[in-house]
Amino acid sequence: MHKTSFRLILLVIITGVIISCKKEKQAAAPPPPPVVTPPPPVSADVIKDSALIYSKDIYLWNTQIPATFNAKDYSDPDKVMEALRQFSMEPGFTQPVDRFSFAMKKVDWDNMSAGFNSVFSSTTADGDFGITVFFKVEGDLRVRLTEPNSPAGAAGIKRGWRITKINGNTNITTGNSTFIVDNIYDAATVNITFKKPDGSSVDISLNRDKYKEKPVYLDTVYNINNKKIGYLVFNSFLGKVTEITSEFQRVFTNFAGAGVNDIIIDLRYNGGGYVSLQEKLANYLVNATSNGSVMMKQVYNANNSASNHTTNFTKEGSINLTRIYFIVGRASASASELLINNLKPYLDVKLIGGTTYGKPVGFFPIPVGEWYIFPVSFRTTNKNGEGNYFNGIAPTSNVADGLDKDWGDITETSLASAIRHITTGTFRIPAEQPYIEPMNVASGNKTLESPFLKVTIGDVKPL
């Protein structure tokens, strides 16, 4: 925020205190009830103009915003943020790299950041079904995740169930992905026909509702071929920081007690969240010899260079790894990628699955009227200065997402590949080829992934 803005706010506060003190010195008789005049509503144009003014100061590529850009040409602050994305050219890239800047109503962000229905960019006050879906192959739509506390979780729906009908429509194909998004993610009610792993079918009706997410979805220890393997499914860096931090402590205390010496972190659907939670998890995973070393750097534009910040590792727990396995894919973004990038200089990092989303930048909420705006405000690099992975981070081994298996099933394709490498030194059996997702399936899944937020929420704000 500009120094001028701070001075104005300070003047208003001081004036209010002086007026309050003078009132206390008046006669002892109680004053009549004050006549409260509500402040005039802030016009939509003022809110949009304010969003632009802030962006011209804090946007990472602020010097590329033309003087002719008119915020009033757009319907709301979110559309203003989307329009600014075109002014984000980076050396080495032929297209604008910003796919991330957005705005959101404060009430929705407050729910989301606290871990209530926090996966959707279209989150509304009345919630959602708590189910997400992906295509395994053309025509084979699977439940990829069910939130335990959601309507879908309460109905007993599990990962791996196949969807054969949505509101009576049997056209469950990649070409009909928009219909699937509209009815699975955005509708108030839905009726779905599922085919379960045992071959039976069931019709389930769901009503949208609010619920609390479970970021630490699953943690367990496998003892395979004399290897103690810790497995953690972590689905979001958003939520109550103290609760998630407590969960980290519980998980890694259990891992240490079980004698774990290899860890698999499943981030395949983790779209990011708070930098501070990424730091906490990184501190548990890094080895003790790296304590005090550079974890990451956050770099702002020239206007706000005084806020550039370096974070060092502060080792947590007693587990000392030499390598770490991550299961990833197109939905692994922001803080998930940040965690991977920050550990690369210190551990042998193995990535299993598909190429990650590609978001090496972050932002923080800036209040404007009833909105928060999120213009990209900083970039991140690791100890070696590596970042700029706008095209994503490629996997060590391309492996399919085992959408036909439930969480923790050691025969699930991605998990099985990680376990195989830990126990045998190879990711796949000799006859197995690297997985290449068919173009039509990739296109359909990209549409199904589009409603989900990819966020890196910084903790160090410009001075």
Protein backbone atom coordinates (compact mmCIF):
# COMPACT_ATOMS: atom_id res chain seq x y z
CA MET A 1 0.00 0.00 0.00
CA HIS A 2 1.27 3.53 -0.79
CA LYS A 3 2.68 5.59 2.09
CA THR A 4 0.10 8.29 1.26
CA SER A 5 -2.69 5.76 1.91
CA PHE A 6 -1.20 4.81 5.26
CA ARG A 7 -1.00 8.50 6.29
CA LEU A 8 -4.66 9.06 5.38
CA ILE A 9 -5.75 6.00 7.36
CA LEU A 10 -3.63 7.12 10.33
CA LEU A 11 -5.12 10.63 10.20
CA VAL A 12 -8.64 9.19 10.26
CA ILE A 13 -7.80 7.01 13.26
CA ILE A 14 -6.15 9.88 15.19
CA THR A 15 -9.06 12.21 14.43
CA GLY A 16 -11.52 9.61 15.70
CA VAL A 17 -9.57 9.22 18.97
CA ILE A 18 -9.44 13.02 19.53
CA ILE A 19 -13.17 13.38 18.93
CA SER A 20 -13.84 10.48 21.29
CA CYS A 21 -11.69 12.05 24.03
CA LYS A 22 -13.47 15.42 23.71
CA LYS A 23 -16.84 13.71 24.14
CA GLU A 24 -15.67 12.17 27.40
CA LYS A 25 -14.96 15.65 28.82
CA GLN A 26 -18.48 16.93 28.21
CA ALA A 27 -21.13 17.36 30.95
CA ALA A 28 -21.99 14.34 33.03
CA ALA A 29 -25.54 14.21 31.65
CA PRO A 30 -25.84 11.39 29.13
CA PRO A 31 -25.80 12.70 25.57
CA PRO A 32 -28.72 11.95 23.30
CA PRO A 33 -28.36 8.89 21.09
CA PRO A 34 -26.13 9.75 18.15
CA VAL A 35 -27.62 10.03 14.72
CA VAL A 36 -25.71 7.46 12.70
CA THR A 37 -25.46 8.28 9.03
CA PRO A 38 -24.40 5.21 7.10
CA PRO A 39 -21.51 5.81 4.72
CA PRO A 40 -22.49 6.10 1.08
CA PRO A 41 -22.15 2.83 -0.79
CA VAL A 42 -18.95 2.46 -2.75
CA SER A 43 -19.81 2.42 -6.43
CA ALA A 44 -18.81 -0.50 -8.62
CA ASP A 45 -16.65 1.80 -10.75
CA VAL A 46 -14.74 3.03 -7.70
CA ILE A 47 -14.07 -0.56 -6.63
CA LYS A 48 -12.81 -1.49 -10.08
CA ASP A 49 -10.64 1.62 -10.29
CA SER A 50 -9.22 0.86 -6.84
CA ALA A 51 -8.36 -2.67 -7.96
CA LEU A 52 -6.41 -1.20 -10.86
CA ILE A 53 -4.62 1.38 -8.67
CA TYR A 54 -3.43 -1.34 -6.29
CA SER A 55 -2.36 -3.51 -9.22
CA LYS A 56 -0.30 -0.72 -10.78
CA ASP A 57 1.70 -0.73 -7.56
CA ILE A 58 1.86 -4.41 -6.55
CA TYR A 59 1.38 -6.47 -9.75
CA LEU A 60 4.59 -8.34 -10.52
CA TRP A 61 4.50 -7.10 -14.12
CA ASN A 62 3.08 -3.65 -13.26
CA THR A 63 5.27 -1.81 -15.78
CA GLN A 64 3.54 -3.70 -18.60
CA ILE A 65 0.07 -2.35 -17.75
CA PRO A 66 -0.69 0.31 -20.39
CA ALA A 67 -1.85 3.78 -19.37
CA THR A 68 -4.92 3.26 -21.55
CA PHE A 69 -6.19 0.27 -19.55
CA ASN A 70 -9.67 1.15 -18.25
CA ALA A 71 -10.98 -0.92 -15.33
CA LYS A 72 -14.51 0.39 -15.94
CA ASP A 73 -14.64 -1.66 -19.14
CA TYR A 74 -15.03 -4.82 -17.05
CA SER A 75 -18.00 -6.12 -15.09
CA ASP A 76 -16.32 -6.69 -11.70
CA PRO A 77 -12.89 -6.88 -9.99
CA ASP A 78 -12.44 -10.52 -10.97
CA LYS A 79 -12.78 -9.61 -14.64
CA VAL A 80 -10.32 -6.74 -14.10
CA MET A 81 -7.79 -9.20 -12.67
CA GLU A 82 -8.35 -11.60 -15.55
CA ALA A 83 -7.82 -8.77 -18.03
CA LEU A 84 -4.52 -7.82 -16.40
CA ARG A 85 -3.13 -11.28 -17.05
CA GLN A 86 -2.34 -10.38 -20.65
CA PHE A 87 0.36 -7.98 -19.42
CA SER A 88 2.68 -10.65 -18.00
CA MET A 89 5.36 -11.38 -20.56
CA GLU A 90 8.43 -13.18 -19.24
CA PRO A 91 11.79 -13.71 -20.98
CA GLY A 92 11.82 -17.12 -22.64
CA PHE A 93 8.03 -17.33 -23.02
CA THR A 94 6.04 -16.37 -26.11
CA GLN A 95 2.69 -15.98 -24.32
CA PRO A 96 1.66 -14.17 -21.10
CA VAL A 97 2.49 -16.37 -18.12
CA ASP A 98 -0.15 -15.12 -15.66
CA ARG A 99 -3.08 -17.55 -15.51
CA PHE A 100 -3.69 -16.86 -11.85
CA SER A 101 -4.66 -13.29 -10.85
CA PHE A 102 -8.26 -13.19 -9.65
CA ALA A 103 -10.70 -11.53 -7.27
CA MET A 104 -13.26 -13.00 -4.89
CA LYS A 105 -15.99 -11.75 -2.59
CA LYS A 106 -14.69 -11.48 0.97
CA VAL A 107 -17.31 -13.85 2.39
CA ASP A 108 -16.29 -16.55 -0.07
CA TRP A 109 -12.59 -16.10 0.58
CA ASP A 110 -13.12 -16.21 4.35
CA ASN A 111 -14.84 -19.59 3.97
CA MET A 112 -12.24 -20.87 1.54
CA SER A 113 -9.15 -19.82 3.48
CA ALA A 114 -10.54 -21.44 6.64
CA GLY A 115 -10.89 -24.75 4.82
CA PHE A 116 -14.61 -24.71 4.10
CA ASN A 117 -15.31 -25.90 0.53
CA SER A 118 -11.92 -24.47 -0.36
CA VAL A 119 -11.14 -26.21 -3.63
CA PHE A 120 -13.39 -24.35 -6.04
CA SER A 121 -12.78 -20.91 -7.52
CA SER A 122 -16.58 -20.62 -7.79
CA THR A 123 -17.16 -21.35 -4.10
CA THR A 124 -20.47 -19.97 -2.87
CA ALA A 125 -21.87 -19.47 0.59
CA ASP A 126 -24.10 -22.52 0.27
CA GLY A 127 -21.27 -24.96 -0.48
CA ASP A 128 -21.00 -27.85 -2.94
CA PHE A 129 -21.32 -31.66 -3.08
CA GLY A 130 -17.76 -32.46 -1.99
CA ILE A 131 -16.98 -34.70 -4.94
CA THR A 132 -14.43 -34.24 -7.74
CA VAL A 133 -14.12 -36.33 -10.89
CA PHE A 134 -11.64 -37.19 -13.67
CA PHE A 135 -11.66 -39.35 -16.79
CA LYS A 136 -9.62 -42.54 -16.53
CA VAL A 137 -10.03 -43.15 -20.26
CA GLU A 138 -12.52 -41.86 -22.79
CA GLY A 139 -16.05 -42.54 -21.54
CA ASP A 140 -14.87 -43.75 -18.13
CA LEU A 141 -15.50 -40.99 -15.56
CA ARG A 142 -14.31 -41.75 -12.04
CA VAL A 143 -14.64 -40.23 -8.59
CA ARG A 144 -11.14 -38.94 -7.90
CA LEU A 145 -11.81 -37.50 -4.42
CA THR A 146 -14.63 -37.34 -1.89
CA GLU A 147 -14.42 -35.00 1.09
CA PRO A 148 -15.33 -37.04 4.22
CA ASN A 149 -17.41 -34.25 5.82
CA SER A 150 -19.30 -33.35 2.64
CA PRO A 151 -22.67 -34.52 1.31
CA ALA A 152 -20.84 -37.00 -0.96
CA GLY A 153 -18.81 -38.28 1.97
CA ALA A 154 -21.93 -38.70 4.10
CA ALA A 155 -23.50 -40.68 1.25
CA GLY A 156 -20.60 -43.15 1.30
CA ILE A 157 -19.25 -42.32 -2.17
CA LYS A 158 -15.65 -43.51 -2.62
CA ARG A 159 -12.73 -42.73 -4.90
CA GLY A 160 -12.68 -45.09 -7.86
CA TRP A 161 -16.45 -45.41 -8.32
CA ARG A 162 -17.45 -45.02 -11.96
CA ILE A 163 -20.13 -42.50 -12.97
CA THR A 164 -22.48 -43.84 -15.64
CA LYS A 165 -25.33 -41.32 -15.50
CA ILE A 166 -25.79 -37.69 -14.36
CA ASN A 167 -29.38 -36.44 -13.99
CA GLY A 168 -30.48 -39.12 -16.43
CA ASN A 169 -27.85 -38.21 -19.04
CA THR A 170 -25.70 -41.17 -20.12
CA ASN A 171 -23.44 -39.07 -22.39
CA ILE A 172 -20.48 -39.29 -20.01
CA THR A 173 -17.71 -38.42 -22.49
CA THR A 174 -14.86 -35.95 -22.67
CA GLY A 175 -16.83 -33.98 -25.25
CA ASN A 176 -19.53 -33.41 -22.64
CA SER A 177 -17.14 -32.14 -19.94
CA THR A 178 -18.83 -28.75 -19.61
CA PHE A 179 -22.13 -30.47 -18.78
CA ILE A 180 -20.31 -32.51 -16.12
CA VAL A 181 -18.80 -29.37 -14.56
CA ASP A 182 -22.17 -27.61 -14.54
CA ASN A 183 -23.91 -30.50 -12.80
CA ILE A 184 -21.23 -31.90 -10.50
CA TYR A 185 -19.58 -28.65 -9.38
CA ASP A 186 -22.06 -25.81 -9.88
CA ALA A 187 -25.56 -27.25 -9.41
CA ALA A 188 -27.66 -27.09 -6.24
CA THR A 189 -28.80 -30.71 -6.56
CA VAL A 190 -27.77 -33.70 -8.64
CA ASN A 191 -28.68 -37.33 -9.13
CA ILE A 192 -25.78 -39.62 -10.08
CA THR A 193 -25.67 -43.28 -11.01
CA PHE A 194 -22.48 -44.99 -9.85
CA LYS A 195 -20.98 -48.35 -10.75
CA LYS A 196 -19.11 -49.67 -7.72
CA PRO A 197 -15.96 -51.87 -7.79
CA ASP A 198 -18.06 -54.98 -7.10
CA GLY A 199 -20.06 -54.34 -10.30
CA SER A 200 -23.26 -53.19 -8.58
CA SER A 201 -24.94 -49.88 -9.43
CA VAL A 202 -26.44 -47.30 -7.10
CA ASP A 203 -28.37 -44.04 -7.62
CA ILE A 204 -27.49 -41.26 -5.18
CA SER A 205 -29.03 -37.79 -4.95
CA LEU A 206 -26.94 -34.99 -3.44
CA ASN A 207 -27.81 -31.52 -2.19
CA ARG A 208 -25.17 -28.83 -2.03
CA ASP A 209 -24.02 -27.90 1.47
CA LYS A 210 -21.17 -26.36 3.45
CA TYR A 211 -18.58 -28.57 5.14
CA LYS A 212 -15.07 -28.54 6.55
CA GLU A 213 -12.36 -29.99 4.35
CA LYS A 214 -9.79 -32.53 5.47
CA PRO A 215 -6.39 -31.49 4.02
CA VAL A 216 -4.50 -34.37 5.67
CA TYR A 217 -6.61 -36.99 3.94
CA LEU A 218 -4.70 -40.18 4.71
CA ASP A 219 -1.49 -41.20 6.43
CA THR A 220 -0.21 -44.71 6.89
CA VAL A 221 2.95 -46.81 7.05
CA TYR A 222 3.70 -49.79 4.77
CA ASN A 223 6.20 -52.53 5.61
CA ILE A 224 7.19 -54.00 2.25
CA ASN A 225 10.33 -56.02 1.53
CA ASN A 226 11.82 -54.85 4.82
CA LYS A 227 11.24 -51.22 3.83
CA LYS A 228 9.30 -48.94 6.17
CA ILE A 229 7.43 -46.52 3.88
CA GLY A 230 5.41 -43.54 5.11
CA TYR A 231 2.55 -42.41 2.85
CA LEU A 232 0.78 -39.06 3.26
CA VAL A 233 -2.10 -37.83 1.09
CA PHE A 234 -2.16 -34.06 1.52
CA ASN A 235 -4.83 -32.26 -0.48
CA SER A 236 -4.59 -28.56 0.43
CA PHE A 237 -2.30 -25.98 2.01
CA LEU A 238 -5.44 -24.01 2.96
CA GLY A 239 -7.34 -24.28 6.22
CA LYS A 240 -6.74 -23.62 9.90
CA VAL A 241 -2.98 -23.29 10.15
CA THR A 242 -2.81 -24.46 13.76
CA GLU A 243 -4.90 -27.54 13.02
CA ILE A 244 -2.88 -28.56 9.98
CA THR A 245 0.40 -27.89 11.79
CA SER A 246 -0.80 -30.16 14.60
CA GLU A 247 -1.61 -32.83 12.03
CA PHE A 248 1.89 -32.58 10.58
CA GLN A 249 3.34 -33.13 14.05
CA ARG A 250 1.12 -36.18 14.60
CA VAL A 251 1.94 -37.71 11.20
CA PHE A 252 5.71 -37.29 11.40
CA THR A 253 5.84 -38.40 15.02
CA ASN A 254 4.08 -41.60 13.93
CA PHE A 255 6.41 -42.01 10.96
CA ALA A 256 9.45 -41.63 13.19
CA GLY A 257 8.06 -44.06 15.76
CA ALA A 258 7.49 -46.65 13.02
CA GLY A 259 11.08 -46.33 11.82
CA VAL A 260 10.15 -44.87 8.43
CA ASN A 261 13.09 -44.15 6.15
CA ASP A 262 11.25 -43.49 2.88
CA ILE A 263 8.29 -41.13 2.47
CA ILE A 264 5.76 -40.68 -0.34
CA ILE A 265 3.81 -37.39 -0.31
CA ASP A 266 0.70 -37.50 -2.52
CA LEU A 267 0.04 -34.00 -3.89
CA ARG A 268 -1.74 -35.03 -7.09
CA TYR A 269 -4.85 -32.92 -6.31
CA ASN A 270 -3.25 -30.27 -4.09
CA GLY A 271 -3.78 -26.85 -5.66
CA GLY A 272 -1.74 -24.94 -3.08
CA GLY A 273 -2.42 -22.50 -0.27
CA TYR A 274 -0.38 -20.80 2.42
CA VAL A 275 3.38 -20.40 2.05
CA SER A 276 3.68 -20.80 5.84
CA LEU A 277 2.22 -24.33 5.71
CA GLN A 278 4.56 -25.21 2.85
CA GLU A 279 7.44 -24.05 5.03
CA LYS A 280 6.27 -26.20 7.93
CA LEU A 281 5.99 -29.34 5.79
CA ALA A 282 9.36 -28.65 4.12
CA ASN A 283 10.97 -28.41 7.57
CA TYR A 284 9.76 -31.92 8.43
CA LEU A 285 11.02 -33.37 5.13
CA VAL A 286 14.46 -31.75 4.85
CA ASN A 287 17.41 -33.49 6.49
CA ALA A 288 19.06 -32.17 9.65
CA THR A 289 22.30 -31.24 7.86
CA SER A 290 20.35 -28.61 5.90
CA ASN A 291 19.05 -26.83 9.00
CA GLY A 292 19.59 -23.09 8.63
CA SER A 293 20.17 -23.28 4.87
CA VAL A 294 18.18 -21.22 2.37
CA MET A 295 14.74 -22.68 1.69
CA MET A 296 13.36 -20.05 -0.67
CA LYS A 297 13.29 -16.43 -1.73
CA GLN A 298 10.24 -14.27 -2.40
CA VAL A 299 10.91 -11.41 -4.82
CA TYR A 300 8.55 -8.49 -5.48
CA ASN A 301 8.59 -5.84 -8.22
CA ALA A 302 10.84 -2.76 -8.08
CA ASN A 303 8.19 -0.73 -6.24
CA ASN A 304 8.21 -3.19 -3.35
CA SER A 305 11.74 -4.57 -3.33
CA ALA A 306 12.04 -3.71 0.39
CA SER A 307 9.73 -6.68 1.00
CA ASN A 308 11.98 -9.21 -0.76
CA HIS A 309 12.39 -12.02 1.71
CA THR A 310 14.60 -15.08 2.26
CA THR A 311 13.35 -18.03 4.33
CA ASN A 312 15.74 -20.57 5.87
CA PHE A 313 15.02 -24.14 6.92
CA THR A 314 14.28 -24.83 10.59
CA LYS A 315 14.37 -28.61 10.88
CA GLU A 316 11.33 -30.23 12.49
CA GLY A 317 11.10 -33.81 13.73
CA SER A 318 13.71 -36.54 13.75
CA ILE A 319 13.30 -38.10 10.30
CA ASN A 320 16.36 -37.62 8.08
CA LEU A 321 15.76 -38.42 4.44
CA THR A 322 18.17 -38.61 1.51
CA ARG A 323 15.35 -38.88 -1.03
CA ILE A 324 11.67 -38.01 -1.19
CA TYR A 325 8.85 -39.19 -3.48
CA PHE A 326 5.98 -36.96 -4.65
CA ILE A 327 2.92 -38.15 -6.59
CA VAL A 328 1.88 -35.24 -8.81
CA GLY A 329 -0.13 -34.22 -11.86
CA ARG A 330 -1.81 -31.30 -13.58
CA ALA A 331 -3.70 -30.46 -10.37
CA SER A 332 -0.50 -30.13 -8.31
CA ALA A 333 0.07 -26.39 -8.16
CA SER A 334 1.42 -23.36 -6.37
CA ALA A 335 2.46 -24.25 -2.82
CA SER A 336 2.76 -27.91 -3.88
CA GLU A 337 5.25 -27.00 -6.60
CA LEU A 338 6.96 -24.60 -4.21
CA LEU A 339 7.57 -27.46 -1.76
CA ILE A 340 9.07 -29.62 -4.50
CA ASN A 341 11.28 -26.83 -5.84
CA ASN A 342 12.53 -25.85 -2.40
CA LEU A 343 13.62 -29.41 -1.54
CA LYS A 344 15.40 -30.11 -4.84
CA PRO A 345 18.78 -28.65 -3.78
CA TYR A 346 18.83 -30.84 -0.65
CA LEU A 347 17.16 -34.18 -1.42
CA ASP A 348 16.94 -36.65 -4.29
CA VAL A 349 13.42 -35.64 -5.36
CA LYS A 350 11.43 -38.22 -7.35
CA LEU A 351 8.20 -37.11 -9.06
CA ILE A 352 5.69 -39.75 -10.16
CA GLY A 353 2.65 -39.05 -12.34
CA GLY A 354 2.29 -36.14 -14.76
CA THR A 355 3.67 -32.66 -15.27
CA THR A 356 2.54 -30.21 -12.58
CA TYR A 357 0.43 -27.12 -13.22
CA GLY A 358 3.15 -24.44 -13.41
CA LYS A 359 2.72 -21.60 -10.89
CA PRO A 360 6.02 -20.24 -9.48
CA VAL A 361 4.40 -17.01 -8.27
CA GLY A 362 2.10 -15.92 -5.47
CA PHE A 363 -0.14 -13.21 -4.07
CA PHE A 364 -2.07 -12.19 -0.97
CA PRO A 365 -5.60 -10.80 -0.43
CA ILE A 366 -5.98 -7.04 -0.84
CA PRO A 367 -9.35 -5.70 0.41
CA VAL A 368 -11.30 -3.53 -2.03
CA GLY A 369 -14.88 -2.87 -0.95
CA GLU A 370 -16.64 -6.22 -0.48
CA TRP A 371 -13.96 -7.92 -2.56
CA TYR A 372 -10.45 -9.23 -2.16
CA ILE A 373 -8.22 -8.85 -5.20
CA PHE A 374 -5.27 -11.17 -5.82
CA PRO A 375 -2.93 -9.70 -8.44
CA VAL A 376 0.24 -11.81 -8.76
CA SER A 377 2.68 -10.01 -6.47
CA PHE A 378 5.86 -12.07 -6.02
CA ARG A 379 7.91 -14.83 -7.60
CA THR A 380 9.68 -17.64 -5.72
CA THR A 381 13.05 -19.31 -6.24
CA ASN A 382 14.96 -21.98 -4.34
CA LYS A 383 18.52 -21.94 -2.96
CA ASN A 384 19.93 -22.35 -6.48
CA GLY A 385 17.82 -19.53 -7.92
CA GLU A 386 15.59 -22.02 -9.75
CA GLY A 387 12.00 -21.01 -10.48
CA ASN A 388 10.04 -19.79 -13.52
CA TYR A 389 8.48 -23.23 -14.06
CA PHE A 390 5.45 -21.67 -15.74
CA ASN A 391 5.22 -24.76 -17.96
CA GLY A 392 5.11 -27.03 -14.91
CA ILE A 393 7.62 -29.40 -13.37
CA ALA A 394 8.14 -32.61 -15.35
CA PRO A 395 7.91 -35.96 -13.53
CA THR A 396 10.80 -38.34 -13.04
CA SER A 397 8.50 -41.09 -14.27
CA ASN A 398 5.27 -40.65 -16.24
CA VAL A 399 2.65 -42.83 -14.56
CA ALA A 400 -1.14 -42.92 -14.91
CA ASP A 401 -3.41 -41.76 -12.11
CA GLY A 402 -4.96 -44.97 -10.77
CA LEU A 403 -8.49 -43.62 -10.69
CA ASP A 404 -10.02 -47.08 -10.37
CA LYS A 405 -8.53 -47.65 -6.91
CA ASP A 406 -9.26 -46.10 -3.51
CA TRP A 407 -6.69 -44.12 -1.52
CA GLY A 408 -3.91 -46.18 0.03
CA ASP A 409 -4.42 -49.23 -2.19
CA ILE A 410 -0.85 -50.39 -2.92
CA THR A 411 -1.98 -51.63 -6.35
CA GLU A 412 -3.09 -48.10 -7.34
CA THR A 413 -0.90 -47.20 -10.32
CA SER A 414 0.93 -44.15 -8.98
CA LEU A 415 1.41 -45.44 -5.43
CA ALA A 416 2.50 -48.84 -6.74
CA SER A 417 5.13 -47.18 -8.94
CA ALA A 418 6.61 -45.27 -6.00
CA ILE A 419 6.69 -48.39 -3.81
CA ARG A 420 8.28 -50.41 -6.62
CA HIS A 421 11.10 -47.88 -6.97
CA ILE A 422 11.71 -47.83 -3.21
CA THR A 423 11.84 -51.63 -3.00
CA THR A 424 13.43 -52.58 -6.35
CA GLY A 425 15.03 -49.43 -7.80
CA THR A 426 12.75 -49.29 -10.85
CA PHE A 427 9.45 -47.45 -11.40
CA ARG A 428 7.86 -49.97 -13.75
CA ILE A 429 8.03 -53.58 -14.76
CA PRO A 430 10.13 -54.21 -17.93
CA ALA A 431 7.16 -54.50 -20.30
CA GLU A 432 5.49 -51.33 -19.02
CA GLN A 433 5.76 -48.11 -21.05
CA PRO A 434 5.69 -44.51 -19.78
CA TYR A 435 2.11 -43.28 -19.59
CA ILE A 436 0.99 -40.75 -22.18
CA GLU A 437 -2.48 -39.33 -21.60
CA PRO A 438 -4.56 -39.36 -24.81
CA MET A 439 -5.27 -35.87 -26.15
CA ASN A 440 -9.06 -36.14 -25.80
CA VAL A 441 -8.77 -37.38 -22.20
CA ALA A 442 -6.28 -34.60 -21.41
CA SER A 443 -8.63 -32.00 -22.88
CA GLY A 444 -11.63 -33.32 -20.93
CA ASN A 445 -9.72 -33.48 -17.67
CA LYS A 446 -8.39 -29.97 -18.21
CA THR A 447 -12.01 -28.77 -18.34
CA LEU A 448 -12.87 -30.77 -15.22
CA GLU A 449 -9.88 -29.22 -13.44
CA SER A 450 -10.68 -25.62 -14.46
CA PRO A 451 -12.98 -24.73 -11.51
CA PHE A 452 -10.22 -25.39 -8.97
CA LEU A 453 -8.12 -22.60 -7.50
CA LYS A 454 -4.32 -22.68 -7.76
CA VAL A 455 -3.02 -20.48 -4.96
CA THR A 456 0.23 -19.53 -3.26
CA ILE A 457 -0.72 -17.16 -0.45
CA GLY A 458 2.26 -15.19 0.80
CA ASP A 459 2.88 -14.14 4.38
CA VAL A 460 5.27 -11.25 3.74
CA LYS A 461 3.36 -8.26 2.40
CA PRO A 462 4.89 -5.18 0.78
CA LEU A 463 5.82 -2.41 3.19
